[in-house]
Amino acid sequence: MKLKSFIVSFLSFVLTTGGLFLIGHVFTITWLMFHYEYTNNAKEFSISTGSFVPLIIGLIVCFFAEKIYIYKCDRSSIDYTK
């Protein structure tokens, strides 16, 4: 059950985050896009990353998906005939 719970939570994280990044790039929504920039001109260092909002939303969805999956598995394993 732990492996199935991990798979459900991991897939929900990957699909949600990937979907949000895809929506951000398709519709050019800057707070949903991942933009990486690196510059090293003669030892001057510059780095820039993109939005972490899809990652945070993905973690929240992952948490709730795992809780719902565990709840449904526990509920379906209860024997009501007793």
C-alpha atoms as a PDB file:
ATOM      1  CA  MET A   1       0.000   0.000   0.000  1.00  0.00           C
ATOM      2  CA  LYS A   2       2.878   2.362   0.627  1.00  0.00           C
ATOM      3  CA  LEU A   3       4.116   1.942  -2.948  1.00  0.00           C
ATOM      4  CA  LYS A   4       0.674   2.651  -4.392  1.00  0.00           C
ATOM      5  CA  SER A   5       0.304   5.688  -2.152  1.00  0.00           C
ATOM      6  CA  PHE A   6       3.687   6.969  -3.327  1.00  0.00           C
ATOM      7  CA  ILE A   7       2.792   6.393  -6.965  1.00  0.00           C
ATOM      8  CA  VAL A   8      -0.520   8.261  -6.577  1.00  0.00           C
ATOM      9  CA  SER A   9       1.111  11.210  -4.837  1.00  0.00           C
ATOM     10  CA  PHE A  10       4.104  11.347  -7.206  1.00  0.00           C
ATOM     11  CA  LEU A  11       1.964  11.170 -10.335  1.00  0.00           C
ATOM     12  CA  SER A  12      -0.381  13.834  -9.038  1.00  0.00           C
ATOM     13  CA  PHE A  13       2.618  16.080  -8.331  1.00  0.00           C
ATOM     14  CA  VAL A  14       4.221  15.509 -11.740  1.00  0.00           C
ATOM     15  CA  LEU A  15       0.997  15.881 -13.727  1.00  0.00           C
ATOM     16  CA  THR A  16      -0.150  18.987 -11.855  1.00  0.00           C
ATOM     17  CA  THR A  17       3.214  20.730 -12.024  1.00  0.00           C
ATOM     18  CA  GLY A  18       3.791  19.761 -15.643  1.00  0.00           C
ATOM     19  CA  GLY A  19       0.304  20.845 -16.613  1.00  0.00           C
ATOM     20  CA  LEU A  20       0.696  24.220 -14.930  1.00  0.00           C
ATOM     21  CA  PHE A  21       4.084  24.818 -16.567  1.00  0.00           C
ATOM     22  CA  LEU A  22       2.577  23.823 -19.927  1.00  0.00           C
ATOM     23  CA  ILE A  23      -0.360  26.192 -19.452  1.00  0.00           C
ATOM     24  CA  GLY A  24       2.078  28.942 -18.496  1.00  0.00           C
ATOM     25  CA  HIS A  25       4.136  28.505 -21.641  1.00  0.00           C
ATOM     26  CA  VAL A  26       1.203  28.065 -24.004  1.00  0.00           C
ATOM     27  CA  PHE A  27      -0.666  31.125 -22.790  1.00  0.00           C
ATOM     28  CA  THR A  28       2.468  33.083 -21.703  1.00  0.00           C
ATOM     29  CA  ILE A  29       1.394  33.468 -18.094  1.00  0.00           C
ATOM     30  CA  THR A  30       4.611  34.620 -16.447  1.00  0.00           C
ATOM     31  CA  TRP A  31       3.849  33.386 -12.940  1.00  0.00           C
ATOM     32  CA  LEU A  32       3.279  29.856 -14.330  1.00  0.00           C
ATOM     33  CA  MET A  33       6.318  29.762 -16.630  1.00  0.00           C
ATOM     34  CA  PHE A  34       9.710  28.301 -15.825  1.00  0.00           C
ATOM     35  CA  HIS A  35      12.441  30.517 -17.198  1.00  0.00           C
ATOM     36  CA  TYR A  36      16.111  29.743 -16.569  1.00  0.00           C
ATOM     37  CA  GLU A  37      18.888  32.177 -17.444  1.00  0.00           C
ATOM     38  CA  TYR A  38      22.629  31.834 -16.848  1.00  0.00           C
ATOM     39  CA  THR A  39      25.306  34.374 -17.740  1.00  0.00           C
ATOM     40  CA  ASN A  40      29.051  34.081 -17.150  1.00  0.00           C
ATOM     41  CA  ASN A  41      30.826  36.862 -19.009  1.00  0.00           C
ATOM     42  CA  ALA A  42      34.462  36.860 -17.970  1.00  0.00           C
ATOM     43  CA  LYS A  43      33.791  35.612 -14.452  1.00  0.00           C
ATOM     44  CA  GLU A  44      30.836  37.847 -13.840  1.00  0.00           C
ATOM     45  CA  PHE A  45      28.192  35.562 -12.510  1.00  0.00           C
ATOM     46  CA  SER A  46      24.465  35.915 -13.063  1.00  0.00           C
ATOM     47  CA  ILE A  47      21.688  33.378 -12.605  1.00  0.00           C
ATOM     48  CA  SER A  48      17.939  33.667 -12.793  1.00  0.00           C
ATOM     49  CA  THR A  49      15.159  31.131 -12.332  1.00  0.00           C
ATOM     50  CA  GLY A  50      11.455  31.105 -12.931  1.00  0.00           C
ATOM     51  CA  SER A  51       8.278  30.810 -10.967  1.00  0.00           C
ATOM     52  CA  PHE A  52       7.923  28.267  -8.199  1.00  0.00           C
ATOM     53  CA  VAL A  53       4.146  28.693  -7.988  1.00  0.00           C
ATOM     54  CA  PRO A  54       3.433  25.510 -10.031  1.00  0.00           C
ATOM     55  CA  LEU A  55       5.740  23.536  -7.735  1.00  0.00           C
ATOM     56  CA  ILE A  56       3.954  24.787  -4.633  1.00  0.00           C
ATOM     57  CA  ILE A  57       0.531  24.071  -6.139  1.00  0.00           C
ATOM     58  CA  GLY A  58       1.793  20.624  -7.175  1.00  0.00           C
ATOM     59  CA  LEU A  59       2.903  19.872  -3.622  1.00  0.00           C
ATOM     60  CA  ILE A  60      -0.469  20.924  -2.239  1.00  0.00           C
ATOM     61  CA  VAL A  61      -2.318  18.756  -4.774  1.00  0.00           C
ATOM     62  CA  CYS A  62       0.065  15.879  -4.012  1.00  0.00           C
ATOM     63  CA  PHE A  63      -0.682  16.141  -0.282  1.00  0.00           C
ATOM     64  CA  PHE A  64      -4.450  16.115  -0.748  1.00  0.00           C
ATOM     65  CA  ALA A  65      -4.358  13.336  -3.360  1.00  0.00           C
ATOM     66  CA  GLU A  66      -2.424  11.099  -0.980  1.00  0.00           C
ATOM     67  CA  LYS A  67      -4.803  11.861   1.908  1.00  0.00           C
ATOM     68  CA  ILE A  68      -7.845  11.109  -0.267  1.00  0.00           C
ATOM     69  CA  TYR A  69      -6.279   7.882  -1.556  1.00  0.00           C
ATOM     70  CA  ILE A  70      -5.436   6.675   1.962  1.00  0.00           C
ATOM     71  CA  TYR A  71      -8.931   7.583   3.179  1.00  0.00           C
ATOM     72  CA  LYS A  72     -10.598   5.655   0.352  1.00  0.00           C
ATOM     73  CA  CYS A  73      -8.339   2.626   0.846  1.00  0.00           C
ATOM     74  CA  ASP A  74      -9.014   2.565   4.588  1.00  0.00           C
ATOM     75  CA  ARG A  75     -12.734   2.982   4.037  1.00  0.00           C
ATOM     76  CA  SER A  76     -12.904   0.183   1.463  1.00  0.00           C
ATOM     77  CA  SER A  77     -11.052  -2.225   3.768  1.00  0.00           C
ATOM     78  CA  ILE A  78     -13.639  -1.896   6.579  1.00  0.00           C
ATOM     79  CA  ASP A  79     -15.868  -4.918   6.888  1.00  0.00           C
ATOM     80  CA  TYR A  80     -19.468  -3.744   7.320  1.00  0.00           C
ATOM     81  CA  THR A  81     -20.928  -7.230   7.855  1.00  0.00           C
ATOM     82  CA  LYS A  82     -19.897  -7.405  11.533  1.00  0.00           C
END
